[in-house]
Amino acid sequence: GEVEVPTIDGGMSRVKVPAGSQTGKQMRLRAKGMPALRGGGAGDMLIELAVETPVNLTARQRELLREFEKLSEDNNPEGSSFFGKVKGFWDGMKG
């Protein structure tokens, strides 16, 4: 998908986020960083992704996530850690 991120000059820039991107992934925005000291344009700006886990899901949404987890186990090398975190989150919400 695409997101808009604020740039250091006060503007906004559209960034294409690849499918499957994880929290902590860094992306480069060319020529959106600090201006060079002696002219010559601006440097690059780095952004770091923060993937948010949804909250306040309905019972049906939780059921669909569990189903998705079962279908994704073979296709997602980091899946067990991600879904383990999601499961831990929901188990903690139950009390």
PDB file of N, CA and C in Angstrom:
ATOM      1  N   GLY A   1       0.823  -1.182   0.000  1.00  0.00           N
ATOM      2  CA  GLY A   1       0.000   0.000   0.000  1.00  0.00           C
ATOM      3  C   GLY A   1       0.863   1.239   0.000  1.00  0.00           C
ATOM      4  N   GLU A   2       0.217   2.338   0.098  1.00  0.00           N
ATOM      5  CA  GLU A   2       0.902   3.634   0.154  1.00  0.00           C
ATOM      6  C   GLU A   2       0.487   4.388   1.404  1.00  0.00           C
ATOM      7  N   VAL A   3       1.435   5.134   1.962  1.00  0.00           N
ATOM      8  CA  VAL A   3       1.160   6.010   3.097  1.00  0.00           C
ATOM      9  C   VAL A   3       1.808   7.354   2.825  1.00  0.00           C
ATOM     10  N   GLU A   4       1.300   8.379   3.490  1.00  0.00           N
ATOM     11  CA  GLU A   4       1.928   9.692   3.426  1.00  0.00           C
ATOM     12  C   GLU A   4       2.675   9.915   4.724  1.00  0.00           C
ATOM     13  N   VAL A   5       3.913  10.385   4.610  1.00  0.00           N
ATOM     14  CA  VAL A   5       4.723  10.656   5.793  1.00  0.00           C
ATOM     15  C   VAL A   5       5.167  12.111   5.769  1.00  0.00           C
ATOM     16  N   PRO A   6       5.266  12.731   6.954  1.00  0.00           N
ATOM     17  CA  PRO A   6       5.755  14.108   7.004  1.00  0.00           C
ATOM     18  C   PRO A   6       7.248  14.151   6.710  1.00  0.00           C
ATOM     19  N   THR A   7       7.670  15.191   6.017  1.00  0.00           N
ATOM     20  CA  THR A   7       9.090  15.369   5.717  1.00  0.00           C
ATOM     21  C   THR A   7       9.639  16.503   6.567  1.00  0.00           C
ATOM     22  N   ILE A   8      10.955  16.607   6.651  1.00  0.00           N
ATOM     23  CA  ILE A   8      11.565  17.599   7.541  1.00  0.00           C
ATOM     24  C   ILE A   8      11.328  19.032   7.087  1.00  0.00           C
ATOM     25  N   ASP A   9      10.940  19.220   5.822  1.00  0.00           N
ATOM     26  CA  ASP A   9      10.669  20.578   5.344  1.00  0.00           C
ATOM     27  C   ASP A   9       9.220  20.997   5.603  1.00  0.00           C
ATOM     28  N   GLY A  10       8.462  20.157   6.316  1.00  0.00           N
ATOM     29  CA  GLY A  10       7.077  20.478   6.638  1.00  0.00           C
ATOM     30  C   GLY A  10       6.072  19.944   5.638  1.00  0.00           C
ATOM     31  N   GLY A  11       6.536  19.347   4.566  1.00  0.00           N
ATOM     32  CA  GLY A  11       5.640  18.798   3.554  1.00  0.00           C
ATOM     33  C   GLY A  11       5.273  17.352   3.855  1.00  0.00           C
ATOM     34  N   MET A  12       4.649  16.735   2.884  1.00  0.00           N
ATOM     35  CA  MET A  12       4.272  15.326   2.982  1.00  0.00           C
ATOM     36  C   MET A  12       4.829  14.605   1.760  1.00  0.00           C
ATOM     37  N   SER A  13       5.163  13.340   1.922  1.00  0.00           N
ATOM     38  CA  SER A  13       5.676  12.547   0.817  1.00  0.00           C
ATOM     39  C   SER A  13       4.987  11.186   0.827  1.00  0.00           C
ATOM     40  N   ARG A  14       4.577  10.726  -0.365  1.00  0.00           N
ATOM     41  CA  ARG A  14       3.953   9.401  -0.496  1.00  0.00           C
ATOM     42  C   ARG A  14       5.035   8.337  -0.566  1.00  0.00           C
ATOM     43  N   VAL A  15       4.821   7.258   0.189  1.00  0.00           N
ATOM     44  CA  VAL A  15       5.780   6.163   0.228  1.00  0.00           C
ATOM     45  C   VAL A  15       5.037   4.867  -0.065  1.00  0.00           C
ATOM     46  N   LYS A  16       5.573   4.076  -0.987  1.00  0.00           N
ATOM     47  CA  LYS A  16       5.020   2.748  -1.248  1.00  0.00           C
ATOM     48  C   LYS A  16       5.644   1.775  -0.255  1.00  0.00           C
ATOM     49  N   VAL A  17       4.791   1.123   0.523  1.00  0.00           N
ATOM     50  CA  VAL A  17       5.255   0.153   1.511  1.00  0.00           C
ATOM     51  C   VAL A  17       5.026  -1.240   0.937  1.00  0.00           C
ATOM     52  N   PRO A  18       6.096  -2.008   0.754  1.00  0.00           N
ATOM     53  CA  PRO A  18       5.940  -3.348   0.189  1.00  0.00           C
ATOM     54  C   PRO A  18       5.087  -4.248   1.093  1.00  0.00           C
ATOM     55  N   ALA A  19       4.314  -5.118   0.491  1.00  0.00           N
ATOM     56  CA  ALA A  19       3.510  -6.075   1.253  1.00  0.00           C
ATOM     57  C   ALA A  19       4.424  -6.912   2.135  1.00  0.00           C
ATOM     58  N   GLY A  20       3.982  -7.197   3.337  1.00  0.00           N
ATOM     59  CA  GLY A  20       4.751  -8.022   4.260  1.00  0.00           C
ATOM     60  C   GLY A  20       5.811  -7.270   5.042  1.00  0.00           C
ATOM     61  N   SER A  21       5.873  -5.948   4.902  1.00  0.00           N
ATOM     62  CA  SER A  21       6.871  -5.169   5.637  1.00  0.00           C
ATOM     63  C   SER A  21       6.629  -5.298   7.136  1.00  0.00           C
ATOM     64  N   GLN A  22       7.710  -5.363   7.896  1.00  0.00           N
ATOM     65  CA  GLN A  22       7.635  -5.555   9.340  1.00  0.00           C
ATOM     66  C   GLN A  22       8.082  -4.298  10.070  1.00  0.00           C
ATOM     67  N   THR A  23       7.685  -4.196  11.336  1.00  0.00           N
ATOM     68  CA  THR A  23       8.127  -3.101  12.193  1.00  0.00           C
ATOM     69  C   THR A  23       9.653  -3.062  12.209  1.00  0.00           C
ATOM     70  N   GLY A  24      10.201  -1.873  12.128  1.00  0.00           N
ATOM     71  CA  GLY A  24      11.647  -1.696  12.167  1.00  0.00           C
ATOM     72  C   GLY A  24      12.297  -1.587  10.802  1.00  0.00           C
ATOM     73  N   LYS A  25      11.579  -1.961   9.745  1.00  0.00           N
ATOM     74  CA  LYS A  25      12.149  -1.851   8.394  1.00  0.00           C
ATOM     75  C   LYS A  25      12.398  -0.371   8.094  1.00  0.00           C
ATOM     76  N   GLN A  26      13.577  -0.066   7.582  1.00  0.00           N
ATOM     77  CA  GLN A  26      13.902   1.308   7.211  1.00  0.00           C
ATOM     78  C   GLN A  26      13.760   1.488   5.711  1.00  0.00           C
ATOM     79  N   MET A  27      13.261   2.659   5.345  1.00  0.00           N
ATOM     80  CA  MET A  27      13.115   3.004   3.932  1.00  0.00           C
ATOM     81  C   MET A  27      13.747   4.372   3.712  1.00  0.00           C
ATOM     82  N   ARG A  28      14.240   4.583   2.500  1.00  0.00           N
ATOM     83  CA  ARG A  28      14.946   5.817   2.161  1.00  0.00           C
ATOM     84  C   ARG A  28      14.080   6.694   1.259  1.00  0.00           C
ATOM     85  N   LEU A  29      13.984   7.967   1.629  1.00  0.00           N
ATOM     86  CA  LEU A  29      13.330   8.956   0.768  1.00  0.00           C
ATOM     87  C   LEU A  29      14.437   9.818   0.175  1.00  0.00           C
ATOM     88  N   ARG A  30      14.730   9.598  -1.076  1.00  0.00           N
ATOM     89  CA  ARG A  30      15.840  10.304  -1.725  1.00  0.00           C
ATOM     90  C   ARG A  30      15.552  11.801  -1.831  1.00  0.00           C
ATOM     91  N   ALA A  31      16.572  12.582  -1.487  1.00  0.00           N
ATOM     92  CA  ALA A  31      16.552  14.048  -1.591  1.00  0.00           C
ATOM     93  C   ALA A  31      15.469  14.698  -0.734  1.00  0.00           C
ATOM     94  N   LYS A  32      15.056  14.039   0.355  1.00  0.00           N
ATOM     95  CA  LYS A  32      14.059  14.618   1.264  1.00  0.00           C
ATOM     96  C   LYS A  32      14.669  14.937   2.626  1.00  0.00           C
ATOM     97  N   GLY A  33      15.980  14.766   2.753  1.00  0.00           N
ATOM     98  CA  GLY A  33      16.646  14.985   4.030  1.00  0.00           C
ATOM     99  C   GLY A  33      17.197  16.394   4.170  1.00  0.00           C
ATOM    100  N   MET A  34      18.192  16.535   5.023  1.00  0.00           N
ATOM    101  CA  MET A  34      18.811  17.833   5.303  1.00  0.00           C
ATOM    102  C   MET A  34      19.552  18.348   4.072  1.00  0.00           C
ATOM    103  N   PRO A  35      19.525  19.671   3.886  1.00  0.00           N
ATOM    104  CA  PRO A  35      20.289  20.242   2.769  1.00  0.00           C
ATOM    105  C   PRO A  35      21.791  20.059   3.000  1.00  0.00           C
ATOM    106  N   ALA A  36      22.525  19.897   1.917  1.00  0.00           N
ATOM    107  CA  ALA A  36      23.979  19.762   2.006  1.00  0.00           C
ATOM    108  C   ALA A  36      24.578  21.069   2.510  1.00  0.00           C
ATOM    109  N   LEU A  37      25.667  20.980   3.269  1.00  0.00           N
ATOM    110  CA  LEU A  37      26.283  22.170   3.856  1.00  0.00           C
ATOM    111  C   LEU A  37      26.766  23.166   2.814  1.00  0.00           C
ATOM    112  N   ARG A  38      27.321  22.680   1.733  1.00  0.00           N
ATOM    113  CA  ARG A  38      27.882  23.575   0.718  1.00  0.00           C
ATOM    114  C   ARG A  38      27.073  23.535  -0.569  1.00  0.00           C
ATOM    115  N   GLY A  39      25.786  23.423  -0.444  1.00  0.00           N
ATOM    116  CA  GLY A  39      24.938  23.359  -1.638  1.00  0.00           C
ATOM    117  C   GLY A  39      24.924  21.961  -2.215  1.00  0.00           C
ATOM    118  N   GLY A  40      24.351  21.835  -3.375  1.00  0.00           N
ATOM    119  CA  GLY A  40      24.344  20.533  -4.024  1.00  0.00           C
ATOM    120  C   GLY A  40      23.121  19.700  -3.724  1.00  0.00           C
ATOM    121  N   GLY A  41      22.081  20.302  -3.172  1.00  0.00           N
ATOM    122  CA  GLY A  41      20.843  19.561  -2.959  1.00  0.00           C
ATOM    123  C   GLY A  41      20.710  19.001  -1.555  1.00  0.00           C
ATOM    124  N   ALA A  42      19.669  18.243  -1.370  1.00  0.00           N
ATOM    125  CA  ALA A  42      19.365  17.677  -0.061  1.00  0.00           C
ATOM    126  C   ALA A  42      19.808  16.219   0.005  1.00  0.00           C
ATOM    127  N   GLY A  43      20.083  15.789   1.215  1.00  0.00           N
ATOM    128  CA  GLY A  43      20.419  14.389   1.438  1.00  0.00           C
ATOM    129  C   GLY A  43      19.158  13.535   1.498  1.00  0.00           C
ATOM    130  N   ASP A  44      19.339  12.299   1.860  1.00  0.00           N
ATOM    131  CA  ASP A  44      18.212  11.377   1.958  1.00  0.00           C
ATOM    132  C   ASP A  44      17.639  11.402   3.374  1.00  0.00           C
ATOM    133  N   MET A  45      16.359  11.116   3.481  1.00  0.00           N
ATOM    134  CA  MET A  45      15.694  10.999   4.775  1.00  0.00           C
ATOM    135  C   MET A  45      15.336   9.529   4.971  1.00  0.00           C
ATOM    136  N   LEU A  46      15.649   8.997   6.135  1.00  0.00           N
ATOM    137  CA  LEU A  46      15.295   7.616   6.444  1.00  0.00           C
ATOM    138  C   LEU A  46      14.041   7.603   7.302  1.00  0.00           C
ATOM    139  N   ILE A  47      13.144   6.669   6.996  1.00  0.00           N
ATOM    140  CA  ILE A  47      11.969   6.470   7.836  1.00  0.00           C
ATOM    141  C   ILE A  47      11.991   5.030   8.333  1.00  0.00           C
ATOM    142  N   GLU A  48      11.387   4.803   9.480  1.00  0.00           N
ATOM    143  CA  GLU A  48      11.310   3.460  10.048  1.00  0.00           C
ATOM    144  C   GLU A  48       9.846   3.102  10.233  1.00  0.00           C
ATOM    145  N   LEU A  49       9.468   1.934   9.746  1.00  0.00           N
ATOM    146  CA  LEU A  49       8.075   1.513   9.819  1.00  0.00           C
ATOM    147  C   LEU A  49       7.720   1.028  11.217  1.00  0.00           C
ATOM    148  N   ALA A  50       6.497   1.333  11.627  1.00  0.00           N
ATOM    149  CA  ALA A  50       5.932   0.827  12.878  1.00  0.00           C
ATOM    150  C   ALA A  50       4.583   0.215  12.529  1.00  0.00           C
ATOM    151  N   VAL A  51       4.533  -1.108  12.471  1.00  0.00           N
ATOM    152  CA  VAL A  51       3.306  -1.813  12.117  1.00  0.00           C
ATOM    153  C   VAL A  51       2.454  -1.930  13.376  1.00  0.00           C
ATOM    154  N   GLU A  52       1.210  -1.487  13.288  1.00  0.00           N
ATOM    155  CA  GLU A  52       0.327  -1.497  14.451  1.00  0.00           C
ATOM    156  C   GLU A  52      -0.558  -2.731  14.454  1.00  0.00           C
ATOM    157  N   THR A  53      -0.727  -3.312  15.636  1.00  0.00           N
ATOM    158  CA  THR A  53      -1.638  -4.436  15.810  1.00  0.00           C
ATOM    159  C   THR A  53      -3.019  -3.877  16.116  1.00  0.00           C
ATOM    160  N   PRO A  54      -4.033  -4.304  15.390  1.00  0.00           N
ATOM    161  CA  PRO A  54      -5.374  -3.769  15.629  1.00  0.00           C
ATOM    162  C   PRO A  54      -5.907  -4.165  17.006  1.00  0.00           C
ATOM    163  N   VAL A  55      -6.694  -3.279  17.589  1.00  0.00           N
ATOM    164  CA  VAL A  55      -7.340  -3.547  18.877  1.00  0.00           C
ATOM    165  C   VAL A  55      -8.847  -3.448  18.698  1.00  0.00           C
ATOM    166  N   ASN A  56      -9.576  -3.865  19.696  1.00  0.00           N
ATOM    167  CA  ASN A  56     -11.043  -3.811  19.680  1.00  0.00           C
ATOM    168  C   ASN A  56     -11.632  -4.580  18.505  1.00  0.00           C
ATOM    169  N   LEU A  57     -11.102  -5.761  18.254  1.00  0.00           N
ATOM    170  CA  LEU A  57     -11.631  -6.589  17.176  1.00  0.00           C
ATOM    171  C   LEU A  57     -12.897  -7.300  17.635  1.00  0.00           C
ATOM    172  N   THR A  58     -13.779  -7.548  16.698  1.00  0.00           N
ATOM    173  CA  THR A  58     -14.973  -8.335  16.988  1.00  0.00           C
ATOM    174  C   THR A  58     -14.585  -9.807  17.080  1.00  0.00           C
ATOM    175  N   ALA A  59     -15.500 -10.619  17.592  1.00  0.00           N
ATOM    176  CA  ALA A  59     -15.245 -12.060  17.676  1.00  0.00           C
ATOM    177  C   ALA A  59     -14.992 -12.632  16.284  1.00  0.00           C
ATOM    178  N   ARG A  60     -15.725 -12.164  15.292  1.00  0.00           N
ATOM    179  CA  ARG A  60     -15.554 -12.643  13.911  1.00  0.00           C
ATOM    180  C   ARG A  60     -14.176 -12.262  13.368  1.00  0.00           C
ATOM    181  N   GLN A  61     -13.718 -11.051  13.658  1.00  0.00           N
ATOM    182  CA  GLN A  61     -12.402 -10.619  13.194  1.00  0.00           C
ATOM    183  C   GLN A  61     -11.298 -11.458  13.841  1.00  0.00           C
ATOM    184  N   ARG A  62     -11.432 -11.764  15.145  1.00  0.00           N
ATOM    185  CA  ARG A  62     -10.446 -12.619  15.815  1.00  0.00           C
ATOM    186  C   ARG A  62     -10.453 -14.014  15.198  1.00  0.00           C
ATOM    187  N   GLU A  63     -11.646 -14.522  14.901  1.00  0.00           N
ATOM    188  CA  GLU A  63     -11.772 -15.835  14.266  1.00  0.00           C
ATOM    189  C   GLU A  63     -11.071 -15.845  12.906  1.00  0.00           C
ATOM    190  N   LEU A  64     -11.265 -14.783  12.132  1.00  0.00           N
ATOM    191  CA  LEU A  64     -10.623 -14.690  10.816  1.00  0.00           C
ATOM    192  C   LEU A  64      -9.104 -14.604  10.944  1.00  0.00           C
ATOM    193  N   LEU A  65      -8.614 -13.895  11.952  1.00  0.00           N
ATOM    194  CA  LEU A  65      -7.165 -13.824  12.173  1.00  0.00           C
ATOM    195  C   LEU A  65      -6.597 -15.197  12.511  1.00  0.00           C
ATOM    196  N   ARG A  66      -7.306 -15.950  13.337  1.00  0.00           N
ATOM    197  CA  ARG A  66      -6.846 -17.304  13.675  1.00  0.00           C
ATOM    198  C   ARG A  66      -6.825 -18.189  12.431  1.00  0.00           C
ATOM    199  N   GLU A  67      -7.850 -18.059  11.602  1.00  0.00           N
ATOM    200  CA  GLU A  67      -7.908 -18.828  10.354  1.00  0.00           C
ATOM    201  C   GLU A  67      -6.755 -18.431   9.430  1.00  0.00           C
ATOM    202  N   PHE A  68      -6.499 -17.134   9.341  1.00  0.00           N
ATOM    203  CA  PHE A  68      -5.388 -16.627   8.536  1.00  0.00           C
ATOM    204  C   PHE A  68      -4.064 -17.180   9.055  1.00  0.00           C
ATOM    205  N   GLU A  69      -3.910 -17.238  10.373  1.00  0.00           N
ATOM    206  CA  GLU A  69      -2.687 -17.782  10.966  1.00  0.00           C
ATOM    207  C   GLU A  69      -2.458 -19.219  10.514  1.00  0.00           C
ATOM    208  N   LYS A  70      -3.500 -20.031  10.566  1.00  0.00           N
ATOM    209  CA  LYS A  70      -3.377 -21.432  10.160  1.00  0.00           C
ATOM    210  C   LYS A  70      -2.971 -21.551   8.695  1.00  0.00           C
ATOM    211  N   LEU A  71      -3.537 -20.702   7.849  1.00  0.00           N
ATOM    212  CA  LEU A  71      -3.231 -20.750   6.420  1.00  0.00           C
ATOM    213  C   LEU A  71      -1.846 -20.203   6.106  1.00  0.00           C
ATOM    214  N   SER A  72      -1.305 -19.365   6.977  1.00  0.00           N
ATOM    215  CA  SER A  72      -0.050 -18.667   6.704  1.00  0.00           C
ATOM    216  C   SER A  72       1.176 -19.352   7.269  1.00  0.00           C
ATOM    217  N   GLU A  73       1.012 -20.370   8.078  1.00  0.00           N
ATOM    218  CA  GLU A  73       2.160 -20.971   8.766  1.00  0.00           C
ATOM    219  C   GLU A  73       3.273 -21.397   7.821  1.00  0.00           C
ATOM    220  N   ASP A  74       2.935 -21.939   6.662  1.00  0.00           N
ATOM    221  CA  ASP A  74       3.957 -22.411   5.729  1.00  0.00           C
ATOM    222  C   ASP A  74       4.540 -21.304   4.864  1.00  0.00           C
ATOM    223  N   ASN A  75       3.845 -20.188   4.735  1.00  0.00           N
ATOM    224  CA  ASN A  75       4.261 -19.134   3.812  1.00  0.00           C
ATOM    225  C   ASN A  75       4.982 -17.973   4.471  1.00  0.00           C
ATOM    226  N   ASN A  76       5.021 -17.927   5.777  1.00  0.00           N
ATOM    227  CA  ASN A  76       5.543 -16.759   6.459  1.00  0.00           C
ATOM    228  C   ASN A  76       6.667 -17.166   7.405  1.00  0.00           C
ATOM    229  N   PRO A  77       7.934 -16.903   7.039  1.00  0.00           N
ATOM    230  CA  PRO A  77       9.050 -17.331   7.877  1.00  0.00           C
ATOM    231  C   PRO A  77       9.038 -16.700   9.262  1.00  0.00           C
ATOM    232  N   GLU A  78       8.469 -15.501   9.396  1.00  0.00           N
ATOM    233  CA  GLU A  78       8.399 -14.848  10.694  1.00  0.00           C
ATOM    234  C   GLU A  78       7.021 -15.012  11.312  1.00  0.00           C
ATOM    235  N   GLY A  79       6.187 -15.801  10.676  1.00  0.00           N
ATOM    236  CA  GLY A  79       4.796 -15.937  11.095  1.00  0.00           C
ATOM    237  C   GLY A  79       4.623 -16.415  12.511  1.00  0.00           C
ATOM    238  N   SER A  80       5.419 -17.399  12.908  1.00  0.00           N
ATOM    239  CA  SER A  80       5.225 -17.932  14.249  1.00  0.00           C
ATOM    240  C   SER A  80       5.502 -16.867  15.298  1.00  0.00           C
ATOM    241  N   SER A  81       6.519 -16.048  15.097  1.00  0.00           N
ATOM    242  CA  SER A  81       6.797 -15.010  16.079  1.00  0.00           C
ATOM    243  C   SER A  81       5.724 -13.928  16.043  1.00  0.00           C
ATOM    244  N   PHE A  82       5.265 -13.535  14.859  1.00  0.00           N
ATOM    245  CA  PHE A  82       4.226 -12.516  14.752  1.00  0.00           C
ATOM    246  C   PHE A  82       2.936 -12.999  15.387  1.00  0.00           C
ATOM    247  N   PHE A  83       2.485 -14.193  14.975  1.00  0.00           N
ATOM    248  CA  PHE A  83       1.221 -14.687  15.503  1.00  0.00           C
ATOM    249  C   PHE A  83       1.343 -15.070  16.973  1.00  0.00           C
ATOM    250  N   GLY A  84       2.529 -15.444  17.394  1.00  0.00           N
ATOM    251  CA  GLY A  84       2.742 -15.676  18.821  1.00  0.00           C
ATOM    252  C   GLY A  84       2.526 -14.399  19.613  1.00  0.00           C
ATOM    253  N   LYS A  85       3.001 -13.277  19.065  1.00  0.00           N
ATOM    254  CA  LYS A  85       2.800 -11.985  19.715  1.00  0.00           C
ATOM    255  C   LYS A  85       1.328 -11.612  19.729  1.00  0.00           C
ATOM    256  N   VAL A  86       0.644 -11.838  18.601  1.00  0.00           N
ATOM    257  CA  VAL A  86      -0.786 -11.522  18.533  1.00  0.00           C
ATOM    258  C   VAL A  86      -1.549 -12.380  19.534  1.00  0.00           C
ATOM    259  N   LYS A  87      -1.227 -13.677  19.588  1.00  0.00           N
ATOM    260  CA  LYS A  87      -1.902 -14.574  20.531  1.00  0.00           C
ATOM    261  C   LYS A  87      -1.635 -14.126  21.965  1.00  0.00           C
ATOM    262  N   GLY A  88      -0.395 -13.787  22.262  1.00  0.00           N
ATOM    263  CA  GLY A  88      -0.056 -13.307  23.599  1.00  0.00           C
ATOM    264  C   GLY A  88      -0.808 -12.036  23.955  1.00  0.00           C
ATOM    265  N   PHE A  89      -0.953 -11.164  22.979  1.00  0.00           N
ATOM    266  CA  PHE A  89      -1.695  -9.922  23.193  1.00  0.00           C
ATOM    267  C   PHE A  89      -3.136 -10.228  23.560  1.00  0.00           C
ATOM    268  N   TRP A  90      -3.780 -11.105  22.764  1.00  0.00           N
ATOM    269  CA  TRP A  90      -5.198 -11.421  23.013  1.00  0.00           C
ATOM    270  C   TRP A  90      -5.371 -12.203  24.298  1.00  0.00           C
ATOM    271  N   ASP A  91      -4.444 -13.099  24.603  1.00  0.00           N
ATOM    272  CA  ASP A  91      -4.525 -13.835  25.863  1.00  0.00           C
ATOM    273  C   ASP A  91      -4.420 -12.873  27.047  1.00  0.00           C
ATOM    274  N   GLY A  92      -3.572 -11.860  26.905  1.00  0.00           N
ATOM    275  CA  GLY A  92      -3.442 -10.847  27.951  1.00  0.00           C
ATOM    276  C   GLY A  92      -4.688 -10.001  28.112  1.00  0.00           C
ATOM    277  N   MET A  93      -5.402  -9.776  27.014  1.00  0.00           N
ATOM    278  CA  MET A  93      -6.636  -8.983  27.061  1.00  0.00           C
ATOM    279  C   MET A  93      -7.751  -9.743  27.782  1.00  0.00           C
ATOM    280  N   LYS A  94      -7.689 -11.077  27.729  1.00  0.00           N
ATOM    281  CA  LYS A  94      -8.737 -11.885  28.359  1.00  0.00           C
ATOM    282  C   LYS A  94      -8.639 -11.850  29.881  1.00  0.00           C
ATOM    283  N   GLY A  95      -7.453 -11.508  30.374  1.00  0.00           N
ATOM    284  CA  GLY A  95      -7.312 -11.413  31.821  1.00  0.00           C
ATOM    285  C   GLY A  95      -6.460 -12.431  32.332  1.00  0.00           C
TER     286      GLY A  95
END
